[in-house]
PDB file of N, CA and C in Angstrom:
ATOM      1  N   MET A   1       3.770  -2.313 -23.711  1.00  0.00           N
ATOM      2  CA  MET A   1       4.809  -2.595 -22.545  1.00  0.00           C
ATOM      3  C   MET A   1       4.965  -1.101 -21.824  1.00  0.00           C
ATOM      4  N   ASP A   2       4.943   0.017 -22.729  1.00  0.00           N
ATOM      5  CA  ASP A   2       5.587   1.028 -22.248  1.00  0.00           C
ATOM      6  C   ASP A   2       4.207   1.829 -21.022  1.00  0.00           C
ATOM      7  N   ASN A   3       2.931   1.239 -21.406  1.00  0.00           N
ATOM      8  CA  ASN A   3       2.035   1.555 -20.226  1.00  0.00           C
ATOM      9  C   ASN A   3       2.285   0.675 -18.834  1.00  0.00           C
ATOM     10  N   ASP A   4       2.892  -0.526 -19.028  1.00  0.00           N
ATOM     11  CA  ASP A   4       3.474  -1.330 -18.099  1.00  0.00           C
ATOM     12  C   ASP A   4       4.367  -0.664 -17.291  1.00  0.00           C
ATOM     13  N   LYS A   5       5.277  -0.239 -17.814  1.00  0.00           N
ATOM     14  CA  LYS A   5       6.538   0.496 -17.169  1.00  0.00           C
ATOM     15  C   LYS A   5       6.045   1.891 -16.443  1.00  0.00           C
ATOM     16  N   ALA A   6       4.995   2.432 -17.175  1.00  0.00           N
ATOM     17  CA  ALA A   6       4.678   3.789 -16.325  1.00  0.00           C
ATOM     18  C   ALA A   6       3.846   3.568 -15.291  1.00  0.00           C
ATOM     19  N   LEU A   7       3.176   2.400 -15.307  1.00  0.00           N
ATOM     20  CA  LEU A   7       2.127   2.231 -14.077  1.00  0.00           C
ATOM     21  C   LEU A   7       3.275   1.680 -12.854  1.00  0.00           C
ATOM     22  N   HIS A   8       4.267   0.946 -13.287  1.00  0.00           N
ATOM     23  CA  HIS A   8       5.486   0.505 -12.379  1.00  0.00           C
ATOM     24  C   HIS A   8       6.045   1.550 -11.730  1.00  0.00           C
ATOM     25  N   ASP A   9       6.592   2.346 -12.644  1.00  0.00           N
ATOM     26  CA  ASP A   9       7.043   3.414 -12.255  1.00  0.00           C
ATOM     27  C   ASP A   9       6.292   4.483 -11.163  1.00  0.00           C
ATOM     28  N   GLU A  10       5.240   4.685 -11.476  1.00  0.00           N
ATOM     29  CA  GLU A  10       3.859   5.363 -10.934  1.00  0.00           C
ATOM     30  C   GLU A  10       3.969   4.599  -9.347  1.00  0.00           C
ATOM     31  N   GLN A  11       3.720   3.458  -9.580  1.00  0.00           N
ATOM     32  CA  GLN A  11       3.634   2.700  -8.258  1.00  0.00           C
ATOM     33  C   GLN A  11       4.819   2.818  -7.159  1.00  0.00           C
ATOM     34  N   ARG A  12       5.795   2.741  -8.125  1.00  0.00           N
ATOM     35  CA  ARG A  12       7.299   3.042  -7.339  1.00  0.00           C
ATOM     36  C   ARG A  12       7.280   4.524  -6.468  1.00  0.00           C
ATOM     37  N   LEU A  13       6.869   5.385  -7.353  1.00  0.00           N
ATOM     38  CA  LEU A  13       6.738   6.944  -6.828  1.00  0.00           C
ATOM     39  C   LEU A  13       5.991   6.934  -5.668  1.00  0.00           C
ATOM     40  N   MET A  14       4.588   6.327  -5.832  1.00  0.00           N
ATOM     41  CA  MET A  14       3.644   6.410  -4.738  1.00  0.00           C
ATOM     42  C   MET A  14       4.334   5.894  -3.536  1.00  0.00           C
ATOM     43  N   ARG A  15       4.970   4.888  -3.533  1.00  0.00           N
ATOM     44  CA  ARG A  15       5.536   3.948  -2.365  1.00  0.00           C
ATOM     45  C   ARG A  15       6.415   4.684  -1.728  1.00  0.00           C
ATOM     46  N   MET A  16       7.687   5.520  -2.446  1.00  0.00           N
ATOM     47  CA  MET A  16       8.689   6.234  -2.135  1.00  0.00           C
ATOM     48  C   MET A  16       7.905   7.432  -1.465  1.00  0.00           C
ATOM     49  N   MET A  17       7.038   8.114  -1.955  1.00  0.00           N
ATOM     50  CA  MET A  17       6.734   9.244  -1.432  1.00  0.00           C
ATOM     51  C   MET A  17       5.773   8.755  -0.059  1.00  0.00           C
ATOM     52  N   ARG A  18       5.066   7.830   0.151  1.00  0.00           N
ATOM     53  CA  ARG A  18       4.324   7.284   1.391  1.00  0.00           C
ATOM     54  C   ARG A  18       5.568   6.939   2.299  1.00  0.00           C
ATOM     55  N   LYS A  19       6.647   6.497   2.086  1.00  0.00           N
ATOM     56  CA  LYS A  19       7.771   5.918   2.975  1.00  0.00           C
ATOM     57  C   LYS A  19       8.402   7.178   3.536  1.00  0.00           C
ATOM     58  N   THR A  20       8.713   8.151   2.673  1.00  0.00           N
ATOM     59  CA  THR A  20       9.330   9.431   3.167  1.00  0.00           C
ATOM     60  C   THR A  20       8.212  10.190   3.909  1.00  0.00           C
ATOM     61  N   LEU A  21       6.980  10.274   3.488  1.00  0.00           N
ATOM     62  CA  LEU A  21       6.006  11.029   4.558  1.00  0.00           C
ATOM     63  C   LEU A  21       6.007  10.299   6.054  1.00  0.00           C
ATOM     64  N   THR A  22       5.833   9.209   5.825  1.00  0.00           N
ATOM     65  CA  THR A  22       5.654   8.446   7.047  1.00  0.00           C
ATOM     66  C   THR A  22       6.994   8.407   8.030  1.00  0.00           C
ATOM     67  N   SER A  23       8.166   8.485   7.519  1.00  0.00           N
ATOM     68  CA  SER A  23       9.689   8.711   8.081  1.00  0.00           C
ATOM     69  C   SER A  23       9.411  10.104   8.860  1.00  0.00           C
ATOM     70  N   ILE A  24       8.958  11.219   7.960  1.00  0.00           N
ATOM     71  CA  ILE A  24       8.975  12.300   8.625  1.00  0.00           C
ATOM     72  C   ILE A  24       8.353  12.505   9.692  1.00  0.00           C
ATOM     73  N   VAL A  25       7.084  11.646   9.738  1.00  0.00           N
ATOM     74  CA  VAL A  25       6.118  11.942  10.882  1.00  0.00           C
ATOM     75  C   VAL A  25       6.606  11.196  12.226  1.00  0.00           C
ATOM     76  N   ARG A  26       7.433   9.854  11.677  1.00  0.00           N
ATOM     77  CA  ARG A  26       8.108   9.278  12.895  1.00  0.00           C
ATOM     78  C   ARG A  26       9.202   9.945  13.522  1.00  0.00           C
ATOM     79  N   ASP A  27      10.035  10.679  12.683  1.00  0.00           N
ATOM     80  CA  ASP A  27      11.190  11.404  13.078  1.00  0.00           C
ATOM     81  C   ASP A  27      10.850  12.805  14.050  1.00  0.00           C
ATOM     82  N   THR A  28       9.688  13.118  13.575  1.00  0.00           N
ATOM     83  CA  THR A  28       9.218  14.369  14.326  1.00  0.00           C
ATOM     84  C   THR A  28       8.113  13.956  15.323  1.00  0.00           C
ATOM     85  N   ALA A  29       7.990  12.884  15.962  1.00  0.00           N
ATOM     86  CA  ALA A  29       6.886  12.272  16.732  1.00  0.00           C
ATOM     87  C   ALA A  29       7.488  13.142  17.911  1.00  0.00           C
ATOM     88  N   PRO A  30       6.452  13.558  18.796  1.00  0.00           N
ATOM     89  CA  PRO A  30       6.650  14.294  20.321  1.00  0.00           C
ATOM     90  C   PRO A  30       7.277  13.278  21.112  1.00  0.00           C
ATOM     91  N   ARG A  31       8.610  13.365  21.750  1.00  0.00           N
ATOM     92  CA  ARG A  31       9.095  12.523  22.831  1.00  0.00           C
ATOM     93  C   ARG A  31       9.335  13.295  24.103  1.00  0.00           C
ATOM     94  N   ASP A  32       9.296  12.296  25.115  1.00  0.00           N
ATOM     95  CA  ASP A  32       9.660  12.719  26.291  1.00  0.00           C
ATOM     96  C   ASP A  32       8.873  13.945  26.884  1.00  0.00           C
ATOM     97  N   GLY A  33       7.772  14.386  26.495  1.00  0.00           N
ATOM     98  CA  GLY A  33       6.888  15.412  26.715  1.00  0.00           C
ATOM     99  C   GLY A  33       6.934  16.848  25.976  1.00  0.00           C
ATOM    100  N   ASN A  34       7.812  16.723  24.983  1.00  0.00           N
ATOM    101  CA  ASN A  34       8.308  17.543  24.074  1.00  0.00           C
ATOM    102  C   ASN A  34       7.154  17.866  23.007  1.00  0.00           C
ATOM    103  N   PRO A  35       6.639  19.054  22.671  1.00  0.00           N
ATOM    104  CA  PRO A  35       5.628  19.115  21.630  1.00  0.00           C
ATOM    105  C   PRO A  35       6.294  18.891  20.226  1.00  0.00           C
ATOM    106  N   SER A  36       5.330  18.453  19.447  1.00  0.00           N
ATOM    107  CA  SER A  36       5.735  18.222  17.990  1.00  0.00           C
ATOM    108  C   SER A  36       6.131  19.554  17.318  1.00  0.00           C
ATOM    109  N   PRO A  37       7.268  19.448  16.538  1.00  0.00           N
ATOM    110  CA  PRO A  37       7.964  20.728  15.949  1.00  0.00           C
ATOM    111  C   PRO A  37       6.960  20.866  14.631  1.00  0.00           C
ATOM    112  N   LEU A  38       5.770  20.178  14.386  1.00  0.00           N
ATOM    113  CA  LEU A  38       4.896  20.299  13.454  1.00  0.00           C
ATOM    114  C   LEU A  38       3.684  20.641  13.415  1.00  0.00           C
ATOM    115  N   THR A  39       3.478  22.247  12.807  1.00  0.00           N
ATOM    116  CA  THR A  39       2.093  22.909  13.078  1.00  0.00           C
ATOM    117  C   THR A  39       0.768  21.801  12.802  1.00  0.00           C
ATOM    118  N   GLU A  40      -0.288  21.979  13.294  1.00  0.00           N
ATOM    119  CA  GLU A  40      -1.435  21.590  13.266  1.00  0.00           C
ATOM    120  C   GLU A  40      -1.863  21.198  11.585  1.00  0.00           C
ATOM    121  N   ALA A  41      -1.447  22.405  10.766  1.00  0.00           N
ATOM    122  CA  ALA A  41      -1.752  22.435   9.304  1.00  0.00           C
ATOM    123  C   ALA A  41      -1.025  21.520   8.774  1.00  0.00           C
ATOM    124  N   THR A  42       0.351  21.427   9.196  1.00  0.00           N
ATOM    125  CA  THR A  42       1.510  20.578   8.456  1.00  0.00           C
ATOM    126  C   THR A  42       1.097  19.119   8.648  1.00  0.00           C
ATOM    127  N   VAL A  43       0.574  18.658   9.797  1.00  0.00           N
ATOM    128  CA  VAL A  43       0.058  17.386  10.112  1.00  0.00           C
ATOM    129  C   VAL A  43      -1.205  17.066   9.461  1.00  0.00           C
ATOM    130  N   LEU A  44      -2.026  17.968   9.194  1.00  0.00           N
ATOM    131  CA  LEU A  44      -3.203  17.731   8.415  1.00  0.00           C
ATOM    132  C   LEU A  44      -3.003  17.734   6.955  1.00  0.00           C
ATOM    133  N   GLY A  45      -1.965  18.375   6.328  1.00  0.00           N
ATOM    134  CA  GLY A  45      -1.289  18.385   4.977  1.00  0.00           C
ATOM    135  C   GLY A  45      -0.820  16.889   4.775  1.00  0.00           C
ATOM    136  N   ILE A  46      -0.068  16.668   5.798  1.00  0.00           N
ATOM    137  CA  ILE A  46       0.579  14.877   5.669  1.00  0.00           C
ATOM    138  C   ILE A  46      -0.692  13.901   5.650  1.00  0.00           C
ATOM    139  N   LYS A  47      -1.369  14.145   6.554  1.00  0.00           N
ATOM    140  CA  LYS A  47      -2.704  12.999   6.398  1.00  0.00           C
ATOM    141  C   LYS A  47      -3.455  13.112   4.977  1.00  0.00           C
ATOM    142  N   ASP A  48      -3.556  14.081   4.554  1.00  0.00           N
ATOM    143  CA  ASP A  48      -4.066  14.328   3.335  1.00  0.00           C
ATOM    144  C   ASP A  48      -3.507  13.781   2.297  1.00  0.00           C
ATOM    145  N   CYS A  49      -2.340  14.244   2.140  1.00  0.00           N
ATOM    146  CA  CYS A  49      -1.109  13.467   1.171  1.00  0.00           C
ATOM    147  C   CYS A  49      -1.516  12.008   1.316  1.00  0.00           C
ATOM    148  N   LEU A  50      -1.256  11.703   2.304  1.00  0.00           N
ATOM    149  CA  LEU A  50      -1.076   9.929   2.856  1.00  0.00           C
ATOM    150  C   LEU A  50      -2.488   9.329   1.871  1.00  0.00           C
ATOM    151  N   MET A  51      -3.518   9.940   2.248  1.00  0.00           N
ATOM    152  CA  MET A  51      -4.569   9.469   1.944  1.00  0.00           C
ATOM    153  C   MET A  51      -4.820   9.448   0.545  1.00  0.00           C
ATOM    154  N   VAL A  52      -4.442  10.663  -0.314  1.00  0.00           N
ATOM    155  CA  VAL A  52      -4.334  10.817  -1.564  1.00  0.00           C
ATOM    156  C   VAL A  52      -3.170   9.416  -2.270  1.00  0.00           C
ATOM    157  N   ILE A  53      -2.150   9.324  -1.545  1.00  0.00           N
ATOM    158  CA  ILE A  53      -1.484   8.362  -1.720  1.00  0.00           C
ATOM    159  C   ILE A  53      -1.819   6.986  -2.058  1.00  0.00           C
ATOM    160  N   SER A  54      -2.646   6.679  -0.740  1.00  0.00           N
ATOM    161  CA  SER A  54      -3.223   5.405  -0.277  1.00  0.00           C
ATOM    162  C   SER A  54      -4.135   5.140  -1.520  1.00  0.00           C
ATOM    163  N   SER A  55      -5.325   6.181  -1.772  1.00  0.00           N
ATOM    164  CA  SER A  55      -6.326   5.884  -2.907  1.00  0.00           C
ATOM    165  C   SER A  55      -5.441   5.597  -4.287  1.00  0.00           C
ATOM    166  N   HIS A  56      -4.722   6.615  -4.563  1.00  0.00           N
ATOM    167  CA  HIS A  56      -3.978   6.016  -5.947  1.00  0.00           C
ATOM    168  C   HIS A  56      -3.280   4.957  -5.981  1.00  0.00           C
ATOM    169  N   GLU A  57      -2.543   4.310  -4.665  1.00  0.00           N
ATOM    170  CA  GLU A  57      -1.872   2.952  -4.673  1.00  0.00           C
ATOM    171  C   GLU A  57      -3.062   2.163  -5.026  1.00  0.00           C
ATOM    172  N   ALA A  58      -4.091   2.113  -4.511  1.00  0.00           N
ATOM    173  CA  ALA A  58      -5.235   1.305  -4.574  1.00  0.00           C
ATOM    174  C   ALA A  58      -5.635   1.206  -6.419  1.00  0.00           C
ATOM    175  N   GLU A  59      -5.900   2.259  -6.713  1.00  0.00           N
ATOM    176  CA  GLU A  59      -6.217   2.497  -8.117  1.00  0.00           C
ATOM    177  C   GLU A  59      -5.197   1.920  -9.155  1.00  0.00           C
ATOM    178  N   LEU A  60      -4.097   2.024  -8.817  1.00  0.00           N
ATOM    179  CA  LEU A  60      -2.821   1.424  -9.383  1.00  0.00           C
ATOM    180  C   LEU A  60      -2.773   0.113  -9.657  1.00  0.00           C
ATOM    181  N   ALA A  61      -3.121  -0.652  -8.250  1.00  0.00           N
ATOM    182  CA  ALA A  61      -3.057  -2.089  -7.794  1.00  0.00           C
ATOM    183  C   ALA A  61      -4.221  -2.598  -8.717  1.00  0.00           C
ATOM    184  N   GLN A  62      -5.429  -1.878  -8.956  1.00  0.00           N
ATOM    185  CA  GLN A  62      -6.475  -2.407  -9.580  1.00  0.00           C
ATOM    186  C   GLN A  62      -6.177  -2.586 -10.960  1.00  0.00           C
ATOM    187  N   LEU A  63      -5.590  -1.389 -11.561  1.00  0.00           N
ATOM    188  CA  LEU A  63      -4.865  -1.412 -13.051  1.00  0.00           C
ATOM    189  C   LEU A  63      -4.082  -2.476 -13.209  1.00  0.00           C
ATOM    190  N   THR A  64      -3.361  -2.880 -12.526  1.00  0.00           N
ATOM    191  CA  THR A  64      -2.348  -3.965 -12.635  1.00  0.00           C
ATOM    192  C   THR A  64      -2.735  -5.470 -12.456  1.00  0.00           C
ATOM    193  N   GLY A  65      -3.977  -5.427 -11.851  1.00  0.00           N
ATOM    194  CA  GLY A  65      -4.419  -6.559 -11.453  1.00  0.00           C
ATOM    195  C   GLY A  65      -3.901  -7.260 -10.199  1.00  0.00           C
ATOM    196  N   ARG A  66      -3.390  -6.475  -9.311  1.00  0.00           N
ATOM    197  CA  ARG A  66      -2.696  -7.022  -8.066  1.00  0.00           C
ATOM    198  C   ARG A  66      -3.743  -6.308  -6.777  1.00  0.00           C
ATOM    199  N   THR A  67      -3.332  -6.929  -5.725  1.00  0.00           N
ATOM    200  CA  THR A  67      -3.948  -6.297  -4.417  1.00  0.00           C
ATOM    201  C   THR A  67      -2.927  -5.798  -3.662  1.00  0.00           C
ATOM    202  N   LEU A  68      -3.359  -5.140  -2.608  1.00  0.00           N
ATOM    203  CA  LEU A  68      -2.530  -4.401  -1.818  1.00  0.00           C
ATOM    204  C   LEU A  68      -2.330  -5.059  -0.740  1.00  0.00           C
ATOM    205  N   GLU A  69      -2.606  -6.220  -0.589  1.00  0.00           N
ATOM    206  CA  GLU A  69      -2.126  -7.505   0.520  1.00  0.00           C
ATOM    207  C   GLU A  69      -0.754  -8.256  -0.016  1.00  0.00           C
ATOM    208  N   GLU A  70      -0.476  -8.041  -1.200  1.00  0.00           N
ATOM    209  CA  GLU A  70       0.735  -8.895  -1.857  1.00  0.00           C
ATOM    210  C   GLU A  70       1.966  -8.552  -1.030  1.00  0.00           C
ATOM    211  N   ARG A  71       2.747  -9.422  -0.615  1.00  0.00           N
ATOM    212  CA  ARG A  71       3.920  -9.325  -0.033  1.00  0.00           C
ATOM    213  C   ARG A  71       4.817 -10.146  -0.571  1.00  0.00           C
ATOM    214  N   PRO A  72       6.238  -9.653  -0.702  1.00  0.00           N
ATOM    215  CA  PRO A  72       7.225 -10.765  -1.615  1.00  0.00           C
ATOM    216  C   PRO A  72       7.289 -12.022  -0.499  1.00  0.00           C
ATOM    217  N   ARG A  73       7.802 -12.914  -1.314  1.00  0.00           N
ATOM    218  CA  ARG A  73       8.034 -14.318  -0.795  1.00  0.00           C
ATOM    219  C   ARG A  73       9.014 -14.795  -1.118  1.00  0.00           C
ATOM    220  N   PHE A  74       9.678 -15.837  -0.399  1.00  0.00           N
ATOM    221  CA  PHE A  74      10.732 -16.474  -0.752  1.00  0.00           C
ATOM    222  C   PHE A  74      10.632 -17.756  -1.598  1.00  0.00           C
ATOM    223  N   THR A  75      11.408 -18.070  -2.525  1.00  0.00           N
ATOM    224  CA  THR A  75      10.777 -19.215  -3.274  1.00  0.00           C
ATOM    225  C   THR A  75      10.730 -20.628  -2.714  1.00  0.00           C
ATOM    226  N   ASP A  76      11.352 -20.800  -1.563  1.00  0.00           N
ATOM    227  CA  ASP A  76      11.320 -21.925  -0.612  1.00  0.00           C
ATOM    228  C   ASP A  76      10.325 -21.798   0.362  1.00  0.00           C
ATOM    229  N   GLU A  77       9.613 -20.694   0.533  1.00  0.00           N
ATOM    230  CA  GLU A  77       8.580 -20.567   1.625  1.00  0.00           C
ATOM    231  C   GLU A  77       7.345 -21.245   1.293  1.00  0.00           C
ATOM    232  N   THR A  78       6.770 -22.034   2.105  1.00  0.00           N
ATOM    233  CA  THR A  78       5.615 -22.695   2.092  1.00  0.00           C
ATOM    234  C   THR A  78       4.337 -21.799   2.028  1.00  0.00           C
ATOM    235  N   PRO A  79       3.634 -22.057   1.159  1.00  0.00           N
ATOM    236  CA  PRO A  79       2.183 -20.897   0.713  1.00  0.00           C
ATOM    237  C   PRO A  79       1.465 -21.162   2.255  1.00  0.00           C
ATOM    238  N   THR A  80       0.988 -20.084   2.480  1.00  0.00           N
ATOM    239  CA  THR A  80       0.080 -20.327   3.759  1.00  0.00           C
ATOM    240  C   THR A  80      -1.760 -20.355   3.218  1.00  0.00           C
ATOM    241  N   THR A  81      -1.924 -20.081   1.955  1.00  0.00           N
ATOM    242  CA  THR A  81      -3.189 -20.155   1.535  1.00  0.00           C
ATOM    243  C   THR A  81      -3.267 -21.594   0.349  1.00  0.00           C
ATOM    244  N   HIS A  82      -4.253 -21.849   0.262  1.00  0.00           N
ATOM    245  CA  HIS A  82      -4.734 -22.817  -0.994  1.00  0.00           C
ATOM    246  C   HIS A  82      -5.859 -22.518  -1.690  1.00  0.00           C
ATOM    247  N   ALA A  83      -5.294 -22.270  -3.200  1.00  0.00           N
ATOM    248  CA  ALA A  83      -6.502 -21.713  -4.018  1.00  0.00           C
ATOM    249  C   ALA A  83      -7.504 -22.960  -4.439  1.00  0.00           C
ATOM    250  N   VAL A  84      -8.556 -22.833  -4.288  1.00  0.00           N
ATOM    251  CA  VAL A  84      -9.670 -23.888  -4.827  1.00  0.00           C
ATOM    252  C   VAL A  84     -10.627 -23.281  -5.798  1.00  0.00           C
ATOM    253  N   LYS A  85     -10.506 -24.064  -7.177  1.00  0.00           N
ATOM    254  CA  LYS A  85     -11.615 -23.687  -8.128  1.00  0.00           C
ATOM    255  C   LYS A  85     -12.835 -23.969  -7.725  1.00  0.00           C
ATOM    256  N   ILE A  86     -13.654 -22.974  -7.967  1.00  0.00           N
ATOM    257  CA  ILE A  86     -15.334 -22.774  -7.842  1.00  0.00           C
ATOM    258  C   ILE A  86     -15.852 -23.817  -8.661  1.00  0.00           C
ATOM    259  N   SER A  87     -15.536 -24.072  -9.937  1.00  0.00           N
ATOM    260  CA  SER A  87     -15.959 -25.352 -10.557  1.00  0.00           C
ATOM    261  C   SER A  87     -15.447 -26.536 -10.166  1.00  0.00           C
ATOM    262  N   SER A  88     -14.960 -26.831  -9.083  1.00  0.00           N
ATOM    263  CA  SER A  88     -14.497 -28.246  -8.619  1.00  0.00           C
ATOM    264  C   SER A  88     -15.250 -28.256  -7.241  1.00  0.00           C
ATOM    265  N   ILE A  89     -16.189 -27.253  -6.733  1.00  0.00           N
ATOM    266  CA  ILE A  89     -17.089 -27.294  -5.560  1.00  0.00           C
ATOM    267  C   ILE A  89     -18.356 -27.974  -6.194  1.00  0.00           C
ATOM    268  N   PRO A  90     -19.097 -29.247  -5.846  1.00  0.00           N
ATOM    269  CA  PRO A  90     -20.172 -29.527  -6.282  1.00  0.00           C
ATOM    270  C   PRO A  90     -21.411 -28.613  -6.007  1.00  0.00           C
ATOM    271  N   LYS A  91     -22.212 -28.508  -6.896  1.00  0.00           N
ATOM    272  CA  LYS A  91     -23.650 -27.725  -6.490  1.00  0.00           C
ATOM    273  C   LYS A  91     -24.415 -28.604  -5.660  1.00  0.00           C
ATOM    274  N   LYS A  92     -25.179 -27.733  -4.847  1.00  0.00           N
ATOM    275  CA  LYS A  92     -26.121 -28.419  -4.008  1.00  0.00           C
ATOM    276  C   LYS A  92     -27.558 -28.398  -4.810  1.00  0.00           C
ATOM    277  N   THR A  93     -28.000 -29.610  -4.587  1.00  0.00           N
ATOM    278  CA  THR A  93     -29.371 -29.612  -5.352  1.00  0.00           C
ATOM    279  C   THR A  93     -30.581 -29.662  -3.858  1.00  0.00           C
ATOM    280  N   HIS A  94     -31.403 -28.704  -4.175  1.00  0.00           N
ATOM    281  CA  HIS A  94     -32.380 -28.695  -3.294  1.00  0.00           C
ATOM    282  C   HIS A  94     -33.601 -29.351  -3.525  1.00  0.00           C
TER     283      HIS A  94
END
């Protein structure tokens, strides 16, 4: 159980870092013809960090058996997908 908590905490940390970096980029985006206050080296550093975060989030998702496509749902929300067991599909005979 400690391992699950550690993975959950690490996922939370990755999410926080990604959101913070993207907020910085959004807040410092050039507007009204003004140049960006960030240097090219800083922009590249942010891109590199976001790539590492994204890669690590994918690894953590795989370790926990989740996908990166999962989104929160309301309990009364109608599902948009329908799972079908492969064993229920009849085999074709040629």
